[in-house]
Amino acid sequence: MKIAIVHDQISEFGGAERVLLALKKIFPQAEVFTSFYSPFSLGQHAPQFKKWQIKTSWFGKVPLLHKLYSPLRFLTPLIWESFDFRGYDIVISSSGSLMCKGIITRPETLHICYLHHPPRYLYHYETAIEWQKYWLVKIYGHLINHKLRQWDYLSSARVDHFIANSEETKRRITKFYHRDATVIYPPVSILPQLITDNLRPATYFVTTSRLARAKHIEVLIKAANKYRFHLKIVGQGRDETYLRSLAGKTVQFMGNLPDHDFTKLYQNTKAFLFAAVDEEFGIAPIEAMGYGLPVIALNSGGLKETIQNGINGYLYDQLNEDSLFTKIKQWENLSINDKKKMRLEARQSAEKYTFNIFKNNILNYVKSKINF
């Protein structure tokens, strides 16, 4: 069967791109469509996309135009509706902020949307940039977003079947699109087996994240400054300069690390800290649990589905350093045996999200929707 995979944009590497890689691995002959493709922005991950047959939109063919996507987001319907999917039996859209689920397919083509999240900026969730603090941008944004919100709702009816990456996202699909969805959790890259060195005494905490506003790395930094614990921050982003200005002597910025360096990093890690608000799933915390790390995360969004308080980690209720440190102290006060038990529970939790489980769930779902 002729299959196409549609992805918002291929110009950064995050959780959505990990799902895209997994889908392409499951359907290796599928052609990939996207709004724009910037291999230079993918860093160490660029080689994974190099041999793909990627078809970009007219928008992506205009030099440097993609750098202006945010102010030009009113073009979104024109981008996705310009693709021609005649002749394809199945189209799988991997959709998030850029709403690639808005493509138009013919009646005989099955369109399955794997939704990472409805666009945050359309539905009043925190975004990477606090754009509403500038009054001209705020007026412009509200005008554009009103029209895009209408199109987002109308185009959701074009999807034959929705897959949500979490129960949290499923609830948003029901709320904003009045559609049902099946939850298939995304694949997470974990070690084949837990390294026993992970169970030795550790010296610092770690977080891995894009350094963007909605991730609230500043809360972790302020907690480390106030309570004098060592924190290593992995990742880069637009807020890095600001976050570095907050950091005290116990905070270290690691930049982006190759995947093979995480084994060494996590060997001496106490726990993984996370402060994102309304995170739809959260792949980085699950990856950390794959190394046997408990996760201490804000009680928000999809983390409530994956973190069991006091079993494989802790959930803190308020977005501030004191609430976070309360849970850190609970972890610190555990006996050595209880810490080992929690680490093993974390590892077992991560094993629910392997690529093979994702592959089987996706294939079974697609087969249930079309007569092979």
Protein backbone atom coordinates (compact mmCIF):
# COMPACT_ATOMS: atom_id res chain seq x y z
CA MET A 1 0.00 0.00 0.00
CA LYS A 2 1.15 3.54 -0.68
CA ILE A 3 1.70 5.40 2.58
CA ALA A 4 2.60 9.02 3.36
CA ILE A 5 3.74 10.47 6.67
CA VAL A 6 3.12 14.18 7.23
CA HIS A 7 5.03 16.06 9.95
CA ASP A 8 4.71 19.71 11.02
CA GLN A 9 8.30 20.75 10.35
CA ILE A 10 11.72 19.11 10.47
CA SER A 11 13.95 21.83 11.84
CA GLU A 12 14.47 20.85 15.48
CA PHE A 13 14.71 17.59 17.34
CA GLY A 14 12.34 16.85 20.18
CA GLY A 15 9.75 14.32 21.24
CA ALA A 16 7.62 14.76 18.12
CA GLU A 17 10.63 14.07 15.91
CA ARG A 18 11.38 10.90 17.85
CA VAL A 19 7.85 9.76 17.03
CA LEU A 20 8.42 10.68 13.38
CA LEU A 21 11.59 8.54 13.31
CA ALA A 22 9.64 5.65 14.83
CA LEU A 23 6.83 5.95 12.29
CA LYS A 24 9.33 6.00 9.44
CA LYS A 25 11.01 2.90 10.88
CA ILE A 26 7.65 1.13 11.02
CA PHE A 27 6.75 2.24 7.47
CA PRO A 28 10.20 2.51 5.78
CA GLN A 29 8.78 2.98 2.27
CA ALA A 30 6.54 5.88 3.29
CA GLU A 31 7.19 9.27 1.72
CA VAL A 32 7.52 12.16 4.17
CA PHE A 33 5.82 15.51 3.72
CA THR A 34 6.54 18.59 5.82
CA SER A 35 6.17 22.36 5.76
CA PHE A 36 9.93 23.00 5.82
CA TYR A 37 13.11 21.00 6.33
CA SER A 38 16.28 22.45 7.81
CA PRO A 39 18.91 19.73 8.33
CA PHE A 40 21.46 22.23 9.66
CA SER A 41 19.15 22.88 12.64
CA LEU A 42 19.02 19.20 13.59
CA GLY A 43 22.62 19.02 14.80
CA GLN A 44 23.78 15.51 15.69
CA HIS A 45 20.41 14.06 14.61
CA ALA A 46 20.61 15.29 10.99
CA PRO A 47 22.09 12.02 9.59
CA GLN A 48 18.99 10.11 10.63
CA PHE A 49 16.94 12.07 8.07
CA LYS A 50 19.55 12.31 5.32
CA LYS A 51 18.41 9.38 3.15
CA TRP A 52 14.70 10.08 3.41
CA GLN A 53 12.55 11.19 0.53
CA ILE A 54 11.23 14.43 2.03
CA LYS A 55 8.78 16.65 0.18
CA THR A 56 8.54 20.19 1.47
CA SER A 57 5.73 22.67 0.89
CA TRP A 58 5.98 25.78 -1.26
CA PHE A 59 6.56 27.63 2.01
CA GLY A 60 9.69 25.61 2.70
CA LYS A 61 11.08 26.22 -0.77
CA VAL A 62 11.32 29.99 -0.27
CA PRO A 63 14.75 30.72 1.26
CA LEU A 64 14.66 31.79 4.93
CA LEU A 65 10.87 32.17 4.91
CA HIS A 66 10.49 29.49 7.58
CA LYS A 67 12.34 31.72 10.04
CA LEU A 68 9.31 34.04 9.89
CA TYR A 69 6.77 31.29 10.46
CA SER A 70 5.44 32.70 13.72
CA PRO A 71 4.33 36.10 12.34
CA LEU A 72 3.23 34.38 9.10
CA ARG A 73 1.23 31.64 10.77
CA PHE A 74 -1.93 32.87 9.02
CA LEU A 75 -0.49 31.02 5.99
CA THR A 76 -0.87 27.66 7.76
CA PRO A 77 -4.05 26.59 5.90
CA LEU A 78 -2.44 27.44 2.56
CA ILE A 79 0.62 25.37 3.42
CA TRP A 80 -1.18 22.14 4.26
CA GLU A 81 -3.97 22.40 1.74
CA SER A 82 -1.42 22.76 -1.08
CA PHE A 83 -0.25 19.13 -0.85
CA ASP A 84 -1.73 16.52 -3.21
CA PHE A 85 -2.29 13.08 -1.71
CA ARG A 86 -4.02 11.45 -4.66
CA GLY A 87 -2.90 7.86 -5.04
CA TYR A 88 -2.08 7.30 -1.38
CA ASP A 89 -3.89 4.57 0.53
CA ILE A 90 -2.92 5.78 4.02
CA VAL A 91 -1.75 9.16 5.28
CA ILE A 92 -0.47 9.44 8.84
CA SER A 93 -0.12 13.00 10.10
CA SER A 94 2.20 13.67 13.03
CA SER A 95 0.60 16.89 14.17
CA GLY A 96 1.29 19.54 16.79
CA SER A 97 1.71 23.31 16.77
CA LEU A 98 1.79 23.68 12.97
CA MET A 99 -1.44 21.67 12.55
CA CYS A 100 -0.43 19.38 9.68
CA LYS A 101 -3.59 17.39 10.38
CA GLY A 102 -5.25 20.09 8.23
CA ILE A 103 -4.18 18.35 5.01
CA ILE A 104 -6.88 17.39 2.52
CA THR A 105 -7.16 13.76 1.43
CA ARG A 106 -9.51 12.02 -0.96
CA PRO A 107 -12.43 9.94 0.39
CA GLU A 108 -10.71 6.65 -0.45
CA THR A 109 -7.58 7.60 1.51
CA LEU A 110 -7.40 6.74 5.20
CA HIS A 111 -6.14 9.71 7.26
CA ILE A 112 -4.90 8.84 10.75
CA CYS A 113 -3.61 11.69 12.90
CA TYR A 114 -1.11 11.05 15.67
CA LEU A 115 -1.68 14.20 17.71
CA HIS A 116 1.11 15.38 20.00
CA HIS A 117 -0.99 18.33 21.19
CA PRO A 118 -3.41 20.93 19.86
CA PRO A 119 -1.56 24.21 19.23
CA ARG A 120 -0.76 25.70 22.63
CA TYR A 121 -0.94 29.29 21.41
CA LEU A 122 -4.53 28.79 20.22
CA TYR A 123 -5.90 27.41 23.47
CA HIS A 124 -4.23 29.52 26.17
CA TYR A 125 -1.51 27.10 27.26
CA GLU A 126 1.96 28.37 28.05
CA THR A 127 4.22 28.77 25.01
CA ALA A 128 7.97 29.13 24.50
CA ILE A 129 7.63 32.90 24.07
CA GLU A 130 5.50 35.20 26.21
CA TRP A 131 4.17 36.95 23.12
CA GLN A 132 1.19 38.56 24.88
CA LYS A 133 3.37 41.01 26.82
CA TYR A 134 3.83 43.14 23.67
CA TRP A 135 0.55 44.94 22.98
CA LEU A 136 0.97 45.18 19.18
CA VAL A 137 1.89 41.51 18.97
CA LYS A 138 -0.98 40.69 21.32
CA ILE A 139 -3.56 42.43 19.10
CA TYR A 140 -2.14 40.85 15.95
CA GLY A 141 -1.96 37.45 17.61
CA HIS A 142 -5.55 37.50 18.83
CA LEU A 143 -6.83 38.44 15.37
CA ILE A 144 -4.82 35.73 13.63
CA ASN A 145 -5.41 33.10 16.30
CA HIS A 146 -9.17 33.55 16.15
CA LYS A 147 -9.20 32.62 12.46
CA LEU A 148 -6.69 29.81 12.96
CA ARG A 149 -8.72 28.39 15.85
CA GLN A 150 -11.74 28.20 13.54
CA TRP A 151 -9.67 26.50 10.85
CA ASP A 152 -8.12 24.15 13.41
CA TYR A 153 -11.56 23.00 14.49
CA LEU A 154 -12.95 22.68 10.98
CA SER A 155 -9.89 20.83 9.70
CA SER A 156 -10.08 18.35 12.58
CA ALA A 157 -13.16 16.93 10.85
CA ARG A 158 -10.95 15.90 7.92
CA VAL A 159 -9.18 13.33 10.11
CA ASP A 160 -10.68 9.85 9.94
CA HIS A 161 -9.18 8.66 13.22
CA PHE A 162 -7.21 10.33 16.01
CA ILE A 163 -4.42 8.79 18.05
CA ALA A 164 -3.42 10.75 21.17
CA ASN A 165 0.00 10.52 22.78
CA SER A 166 -1.52 10.54 26.29
CA GLU A 167 -4.80 10.64 28.17
CA GLU A 168 -4.13 14.36 28.68
CA THR A 169 -4.02 14.94 24.92
CA LYS A 170 -7.08 12.74 24.45
CA ARG A 171 -9.01 15.02 26.81
CA ARG A 172 -7.93 18.06 24.79
CA ILE A 173 -9.05 16.39 21.54
CA THR A 174 -12.47 15.83 23.07
CA LYS A 175 -12.60 19.36 24.48
CA PHE A 176 -11.45 21.32 21.43
CA TYR A 177 -12.42 19.08 18.49
CA HIS A 178 -15.35 17.09 19.91
CA ARG A 179 -13.69 13.92 18.63
CA ASP A 180 -12.71 10.67 20.27
CA ALA A 181 -9.16 9.32 20.24
CA THR A 182 -7.21 6.18 21.05
CA VAL A 183 -4.18 6.61 23.29
CA ILE A 184 -0.90 5.14 22.04
CA TYR A 185 2.00 6.36 24.11
CA PRO A 186 5.08 7.45 22.14
CA PRO A 187 8.23 5.30 22.01
CA VAL A 188 11.03 6.06 24.41
CA SER A 189 14.67 5.13 23.90
CA ILE A 190 15.92 3.17 26.91
CA LEU A 191 18.84 0.85 27.60
CA PRO A 192 18.26 -2.87 26.92
CA GLN A 193 18.78 -3.50 30.62
CA LEU A 194 19.38 -1.44 33.74
CA ILE A 195 23.06 -0.79 34.47
CA THR A 196 23.76 -1.70 38.08
CA ASP A 197 26.15 1.25 38.42
CA ASN A 198 23.02 3.41 38.41
CA LEU A 199 22.29 2.08 41.86
CA ARG A 200 25.43 3.44 43.52
CA PRO A 201 25.44 6.63 45.64
CA ALA A 202 24.87 9.71 43.50
CA THR A 203 25.95 13.33 43.80
CA TYR A 204 23.71 15.57 41.68
CA PHE A 205 20.30 16.04 40.05
CA VAL A 206 19.68 16.35 36.30
CA THR A 207 17.11 17.84 34.00
CA THR A 208 16.96 17.52 30.20
CA SER A 209 14.86 19.99 28.28
CA ARG A 210 14.65 22.71 25.68
CA LEU A 211 15.48 25.91 27.52
CA ALA A 212 12.14 27.55 26.85
CA ARG A 213 9.61 29.41 28.97
CA ALA A 214 7.01 26.65 29.40
CA LYS A 215 9.64 24.24 30.75
CA HIS A 216 10.24 26.48 33.83
CA ILE A 217 13.89 25.59 34.27
CA GLU A 218 14.15 28.76 36.37
CA VAL A 219 12.26 27.00 39.20
CA LEU A 220 14.85 24.22 39.26
CA ILE A 221 17.70 26.74 39.25
CA LYS A 222 16.19 28.80 42.06
CA ALA A 223 15.72 25.64 44.12
CA ALA A 224 19.35 24.61 43.55
CA ASN A 225 20.53 28.10 44.49
CA LYS A 226 18.40 28.27 47.62
CA TYR A 227 18.97 24.76 48.95
CA ARG A 228 22.52 24.32 47.65
CA PHE A 229 22.12 21.07 45.75
CA HIS A 230 24.02 20.30 42.54
CA LEU A 231 22.01 20.48 39.32
CA LYS A 232 23.13 19.64 35.77
CA ILE A 233 21.01 21.06 32.93
CA VAL A 234 21.12 19.34 29.55
CA GLY A 235 19.73 21.20 26.55
CA GLN A 236 19.76 24.50 24.74
CA GLY A 237 17.15 27.09 23.78
CA ARG A 238 16.13 30.70 23.49
CA ASP A 239 16.10 31.27 27.27
CA GLU A 240 19.64 30.02 27.90
CA THR A 241 21.20 33.46 28.47
CA TYR A 242 18.50 34.39 30.96
CA LEU A 243 18.75 31.08 32.80
CA ARG A 244 22.53 31.30 33.02
CA SER A 245 22.13 34.72 34.65
CA LEU A 246 20.08 33.09 37.43
CA ALA A 247 22.39 30.15 38.06
CA GLY A 248 24.53 29.90 41.16
CA LYS A 249 27.69 27.90 41.76
CA THR A 250 25.86 24.58 42.13
CA VAL A 251 24.25 24.75 38.66
CA GLN A 252 26.03 23.50 35.55
CA PHE A 253 24.85 23.85 31.93
CA MET A 254 25.82 20.84 29.81
CA GLY A 255 24.52 21.93 26.41
CA ASN A 256 23.22 19.25 24.05
CA LEU A 257 24.73 15.81 24.66
CA PRO A 258 25.05 12.87 22.26
CA ASP A 259 22.74 10.02 23.24
CA HIS A 260 25.66 7.78 24.22
CA ASP A 261 26.83 10.29 26.85
CA PHE A 262 23.68 9.93 28.93
CA THR A 263 24.79 6.59 30.39
CA LYS A 264 27.80 8.24 32.03
CA LEU A 265 25.81 11.32 33.06
CA TYR A 266 23.05 9.35 34.75
CA GLN A 267 25.39 6.98 36.63
CA ASN A 268 25.96 9.58 39.35
CA THR A 269 22.51 11.18 39.24
CA LYS A 270 20.21 11.18 42.24
CA ALA A 271 16.95 11.88 40.42
CA PHE A 272 15.55 13.63 37.36
CA LEU A 273 13.85 16.99 37.98
CA PHE A 274 11.04 18.38 35.82
CA ALA A 275 8.99 21.56 36.08
CA ALA A 276 7.09 21.85 32.78
CA VAL A 277 3.46 23.02 32.97
CA ASP A 278 0.75 21.12 31.06
CA GLU A 279 3.28 18.82 29.37
CA GLU A 280 1.27 16.49 27.15
CA PHE A 281 3.43 13.40 27.75
CA GLY A 282 7.07 14.11 28.59
CA ILE A 283 9.55 11.80 26.85
CA ALA A 284 12.67 13.02 28.68
CA PRO A 285 11.43 11.96 32.14
CA ILE A 286 10.57 8.48 30.83
CA GLU A 287 13.99 8.16 29.22
CA ALA A 288 15.54 9.03 32.58
CA MET A 289 13.44 6.35 34.27
CA GLY A 290 14.87 3.91 31.73
CA TYR A 291 18.23 4.51 33.40
CA GLY A 292 16.69 3.79 36.78
CA LEU A 293 16.19 7.40 37.82
CA PRO A 294 13.17 8.44 39.86
CA VAL A 295 11.48 11.55 38.47
CA ILE A 296 10.44 14.49 40.63
CA ALA A 297 7.97 16.44 38.49
CA LEU A 298 5.25 19.06 38.71
CA ASN A 299 1.82 17.52 39.22
CA SER A 300 0.58 18.68 35.83
CA GLY A 301 -0.44 17.35 32.41
CA GLY A 302 0.63 13.92 31.22
CA LEU A 303 3.18 13.46 34.00
CA LYS A 304 0.28 12.49 36.25
CA GLU A 305 -0.12 9.39 34.04
CA THR A 306 3.49 8.23 34.17
CA ILE A 307 4.75 9.26 37.62
CA GLN A 308 3.32 7.37 40.58
CA ASN A 309 3.90 9.46 43.68
CA GLY A 310 6.20 7.66 46.09
CA ILE A 311 6.61 4.63 43.81
CA ASN A 312 8.71 5.58 40.77
CA GLY A 313 9.18 9.23 41.72
CA TYR A 314 7.34 12.18 43.26
CA LEU A 315 4.86 14.82 42.14
CA TYR A 316 4.96 18.28 43.71
CA ASP A 317 1.86 20.47 43.63
CA GLN A 318 3.05 24.07 43.37
CA LEU A 319 5.38 25.60 40.81
CA ASN A 320 7.98 26.97 43.21
CA GLU A 321 11.30 25.93 44.69
CA ASP A 322 9.90 25.14 48.15
CA SER A 323 7.30 22.70 46.87
CA LEU A 324 9.93 21.02 44.71
CA PHE A 325 12.43 20.74 47.53
CA THR A 326 9.84 19.14 49.81
CA LYS A 327 9.81 16.16 47.46
CA ILE A 328 13.58 16.21 47.03
CA LYS A 329 13.88 15.86 50.82
CA GLN A 330 11.49 12.93 50.78
CA TRP A 331 13.77 11.25 48.27
CA GLU A 332 16.91 12.12 50.24
CA ASN A 333 15.41 10.72 53.45
CA LEU A 334 14.67 7.30 52.00
CA SER A 335 16.77 4.37 53.13
CA ILE A 336 19.27 2.89 50.68
CA ASN A 337 17.01 -0.11 50.09
CA ASP A 338 13.97 2.09 49.46
CA LYS A 339 15.97 4.19 46.99
CA LYS A 340 17.03 1.05 45.14
CA LYS A 341 13.42 -0.12 45.09
CA MET A 342 12.25 3.20 43.63
CA ARG A 343 14.96 3.08 40.98
CA LEU A 344 13.86 -0.40 39.94
CA GLU A 345 10.23 0.73 39.86
CA ALA A 346 11.27 3.64 37.63
CA ARG A 347 13.00 1.26 35.24
CA GLN A 348 9.99 -1.08 35.11
CA SER A 349 7.72 1.89 34.38
CA ALA A 350 9.90 2.96 31.43
CA GLU A 351 9.72 -0.52 29.92
CA LYS A 352 6.05 0.14 29.06
CA TYR A 353 7.14 2.65 26.41
CA THR A 354 9.62 0.78 24.21
CA PHE A 355 9.74 1.03 20.43
CA ASN A 356 8.50 -2.53 19.99
CA ILE A 357 5.40 -1.85 22.06
CA PHE A 358 4.77 1.35 20.07
CA LYS A 359 5.28 -0.51 16.79
CA ASN A 360 2.85 -3.28 17.69
CA ASN A 361 0.24 -0.79 18.87
CA ILE A 362 0.52 1.32 15.72
CA LEU A 363 0.39 -1.65 13.34
CA ASN A 364 -2.56 -3.22 15.15
CA TYR A 365 -4.37 0.12 15.11
CA VAL A 366 -3.80 0.71 11.39
CA LYS A 367 -4.83 -2.85 10.55
CA SER A 368 -8.02 -2.38 12.52
CA LYS A 369 -8.92 0.66 10.43
CA ILE A 370 -8.23 -0.72 6.96
CA ASN A 371 -8.72 -4.06 5.30
CA PHE A 372 -5.27 -5.36 4.44
